[in-house]
């Protein structure tokens, strides 16, 4: 495999709460949100994709968790489309049923 065609996707499905509030046992609790890294020779690097909602109390989900700003399935679908040239309708109905792909984020070179 050529390095310039390589793509890697790493995802963590949860993060600590935005305010790092303690639960009843004095521990920080898991909340919503997550992180994803897309890397490789085929990816347009040097930028952050997505939207940062902030840590102000009004920007948090339930006043404590990082607000979700995207759908992990959509990122996976755009990566699959970039690698395999799969059709949008197939990805939305068969690959990831119920998901609608927004504008192409432009991951690939």
C-alpha atoms as a PDB file:
ATOM      1  CA  UNK A   1       0.000   0.000   0.000  1.00  0.00           C
ATOM      2  CA  UNK A   2       1.288   3.454  -0.897  1.00  0.00           C
ATOM      3  CA  UNK A   3       1.696   5.783   2.091  1.00  0.00           C
ATOM      4  CA  UNK A   4       0.012   8.668   0.259  1.00  0.00           C
ATOM      5  CA  UNK A   5      -3.146   6.534  -0.063  1.00  0.00           C
ATOM      6  CA  UNK A   6      -3.186   5.555   3.622  1.00  0.00           C
ATOM      7  CA  UNK A   7      -6.035   6.706   5.900  1.00  0.00           C
ATOM      8  CA  UNK A   8      -6.455   6.040   9.610  1.00  0.00           C
ATOM      9  CA  UNK A   9      -9.478   6.807  11.753  1.00  0.00           C
ATOM     10  CA  UNK A  10      -9.258   6.706  15.564  1.00  0.00           C
ATOM     11  CA  UNK A  11     -12.272   7.422  17.736  1.00  0.00           C
ATOM     12  CA  UNK A  12     -12.957   7.578  21.483  1.00  0.00           C
ATOM     13  CA  UNK A  13     -16.666   7.329  22.204  1.00  0.00           C
ATOM     14  CA  UNK A  14     -16.711   9.304  25.436  1.00  0.00           C
ATOM     15  CA  UNK A  15     -14.878  11.999  27.313  1.00  0.00           C
ATOM     16  CA  UNK A  16     -14.901  13.293  30.829  1.00  0.00           C
ATOM     17  CA  UNK A  17     -17.544  15.880  31.558  1.00  0.00           C
ATOM     18  CA  UNK A  18     -16.841  19.426  30.422  1.00  0.00           C
ATOM     19  CA  UNK A  19     -16.772  20.844  33.935  1.00  0.00           C
ATOM     20  CA  UNK A  20     -15.111  17.785  35.475  1.00  0.00           C
ATOM     21  CA  UNK A  21     -17.706  17.785  38.216  1.00  0.00           C
ATOM     22  CA  UNK A  22     -17.485  15.013  40.728  1.00  0.00           C
ATOM     23  CA  UNK A  23     -20.157  12.407  41.215  1.00  0.00           C
ATOM     24  CA  UNK A  24     -21.415  11.223  44.624  1.00  0.00           C
ATOM     25  CA  UNK A  25     -18.277   9.130  45.201  1.00  0.00           C
ATOM     26  CA  UNK A  26     -15.933  12.062  44.561  1.00  0.00           C
ATOM     27  CA  UNK A  27     -14.863  10.821  41.113  1.00  0.00           C
ATOM     28  CA  UNK A  28     -15.053  12.625  37.781  1.00  0.00           C
ATOM     29  CA  UNK A  29     -17.802  11.035  35.704  1.00  0.00           C
ATOM     30  CA  UNK A  30     -18.002  10.108  32.050  1.00  0.00           C
ATOM     31  CA  UNK A  31     -20.220  12.287  29.947  1.00  0.00           C
ATOM     32  CA  UNK A  32     -21.197  12.714  26.344  1.00  0.00           C
ATOM     33  CA  UNK A  33     -18.895  13.828  23.575  1.00  0.00           C
ATOM     34  CA  UNK A  34     -15.820  12.253  22.160  1.00  0.00           C
ATOM     35  CA  UNK A  35     -12.795  12.711  20.013  1.00  0.00           C
ATOM     36  CA  UNK A  36     -11.831  11.526  16.572  1.00  0.00           C
ATOM     37  CA  UNK A  37      -8.531  11.716  14.726  1.00  0.00           C
ATOM     38  CA  UNK A  38      -8.357  11.235  10.958  1.00  0.00           C
ATOM     39  CA  UNK A  39      -4.805  10.954   9.651  1.00  0.00           C
ATOM     40  CA  UNK A  40      -2.778   9.583   6.783  1.00  0.00           C
ATOM     41  CA  UNK A  41      -1.187  10.508   3.508  1.00  0.00           C
ATOM     42  CA  UNK A  42      -4.548  10.805   1.727  1.00  0.00           C
ATOM     43  CA  UNK A  43      -5.952  13.287   4.273  1.00  0.00           C
ATOM     44  CA  UNK A  44      -5.716  17.077   4.073  1.00  0.00           C
ATOM     45  CA  UNK A  45      -3.801  17.698   7.257  1.00  0.00           C
ATOM     46  CA  UNK A  46      -2.995  20.713   9.340  1.00  0.00           C
ATOM     47  CA  UNK A  47      -6.577  21.598  10.228  1.00  0.00           C
ATOM     48  CA  UNK A  48      -9.280  20.840  12.724  1.00  0.00           C
ATOM     49  CA  UNK A  49     -12.639  19.752  11.341  1.00  0.00           C
ATOM     50  CA  UNK A  50     -15.801  20.250  13.314  1.00  0.00           C
ATOM     51  CA  UNK A  51     -17.076  22.823  15.718  1.00  0.00           C
ATOM     52  CA  UNK A  52     -15.962  23.516  19.291  1.00  0.00           C
ATOM     53  CA  UNK A  53     -19.016  24.395  21.409  1.00  0.00           C
ATOM     54  CA  UNK A  54     -17.016  25.719  24.367  1.00  0.00           C
ATOM     55  CA  UNK A  55     -17.102  24.994  28.078  1.00  0.00           C
ATOM     56  CA  UNK A  56     -19.393  27.780  29.216  1.00  0.00           C
ATOM     57  CA  UNK A  57     -22.262  26.367  31.256  1.00  0.00           C
ATOM     58  CA  UNK A  58     -24.799  27.462  28.617  1.00  0.00           C
ATOM     59  CA  UNK A  59     -22.871  25.561  25.923  1.00  0.00           C
ATOM     60  CA  UNK A  60     -22.870  22.268  27.824  1.00  0.00           C
ATOM     61  CA  UNK A  61     -25.364  19.434  27.454  1.00  0.00           C
ATOM     62  CA  UNK A  62     -27.422  19.180  30.657  1.00  0.00           C
ATOM     63  CA  UNK A  63     -25.193  21.951  32.050  1.00  0.00           C
ATOM     64  CA  UNK A  64     -22.308  19.502  32.540  1.00  0.00           C
ATOM     65  CA  UNK A  65     -21.291  17.476  29.460  1.00  0.00           C
ATOM     66  CA  UNK A  66     -19.552  18.529  26.270  1.00  0.00           C
ATOM     67  CA  UNK A  67     -22.199  19.160  23.630  1.00  0.00           C
ATOM     68  CA  UNK A  68     -22.138  16.769  20.694  1.00  0.00           C
ATOM     69  CA  UNK A  69     -21.634  18.738  17.469  1.00  0.00           C
ATOM     70  CA  UNK A  70     -21.560  15.970  14.886  1.00  0.00           C
ATOM     71  CA  UNK A  71     -22.354  12.379  14.067  1.00  0.00           C
ATOM     72  CA  UNK A  72     -19.491   9.874  14.118  1.00  0.00           C
ATOM     73  CA  UNK A  73     -21.267   7.853  11.426  1.00  0.00           C
ATOM     74  CA  UNK A  74     -21.088  10.802   9.047  1.00  0.00           C
ATOM     75  CA  UNK A  75     -17.307  11.062   9.362  1.00  0.00           C
ATOM     76  CA  UNK A  76     -17.000   7.310   8.791  1.00  0.00           C
ATOM     77  CA  UNK A  77     -19.281   7.547   5.753  1.00  0.00           C
ATOM     78  CA  UNK A  78     -17.239  10.383   4.178  1.00  0.00           C
ATOM     79  CA  UNK A  79     -14.037   8.412   4.783  1.00  0.00           C
ATOM     80  CA  UNK A  80     -15.599   5.326   3.171  1.00  0.00           C
ATOM     81  CA  UNK A  81     -16.783   7.428   0.220  1.00  0.00           C
ATOM     82  CA  UNK A  82     -13.303   8.906  -0.213  1.00  0.00           C
ATOM     83  CA  UNK A  83     -11.626   5.506  -0.155  1.00  0.00           C
ATOM     84  CA  UNK A  84     -14.159   3.436  -2.127  1.00  0.00           C
ATOM     85  CA  UNK A  85     -16.079   6.093  -4.098  1.00  0.00           C
ATOM     86  CA  UNK A  86     -19.321   4.573  -2.744  1.00  0.00           C
ATOM     87  CA  UNK A  87     -22.523   6.433  -3.584  1.00  0.00           C
ATOM     88  CA  UNK A  88     -24.149   8.789  -1.084  1.00  0.00           C
ATOM     89  CA  UNK A  89     -27.547   7.112  -1.167  1.00  0.00           C
ATOM     90  CA  UNK A  90     -26.034   3.672  -0.499  1.00  0.00           C
ATOM     91  CA  UNK A  91     -24.046   4.964   2.442  1.00  0.00           C
ATOM     92  CA  UNK A  92     -27.103   6.728   3.888  1.00  0.00           C
ATOM     93  CA  UNK A  93     -29.515   3.825   3.456  1.00  0.00           C
ATOM     94  CA  UNK A  94     -27.419   0.657   3.660  1.00  0.00           C
ATOM     95  CA  UNK A  95     -24.120   1.599   5.308  1.00  0.00           C
ATOM     96  CA  UNK A  96     -25.527   3.927   7.964  1.00  0.00           C
ATOM     97  CA  UNK A  97     -29.351   3.699   7.894  1.00  0.00           C
ATOM     98  CA  UNK A  98     -31.128   6.850   9.042  1.00  0.00           C
ATOM     99  CA  UNK A  99     -28.104   9.125   8.663  1.00  0.00           C
ATOM    100  CA  UNK A 100     -27.997  12.031   6.253  1.00  0.00           C
ATOM    101  CA  UNK A 101     -24.612  13.141   4.954  1.00  0.00           C
ATOM    102  CA  UNK A 102     -24.170  16.906   5.035  1.00  0.00           C
ATOM    103  CA  UNK A 103     -21.733  18.829   2.863  1.00  0.00           C
ATOM    104  CA  UNK A 104     -18.466  17.026   2.068  1.00  0.00           C
ATOM    105  CA  UNK A 105     -15.973  18.119   4.764  1.00  0.00           C
ATOM    106  CA  UNK A 106     -13.107  17.809   2.254  1.00  0.00           C
ATOM    107  CA  UNK A 107     -10.944  15.334   4.171  1.00  0.00           C
ATOM    108  CA  UNK A 108      -9.150  14.004   1.098  1.00  0.00           C
ATOM    109  CA  UNK A 109      -6.427  15.672  -0.966  1.00  0.00           C
END
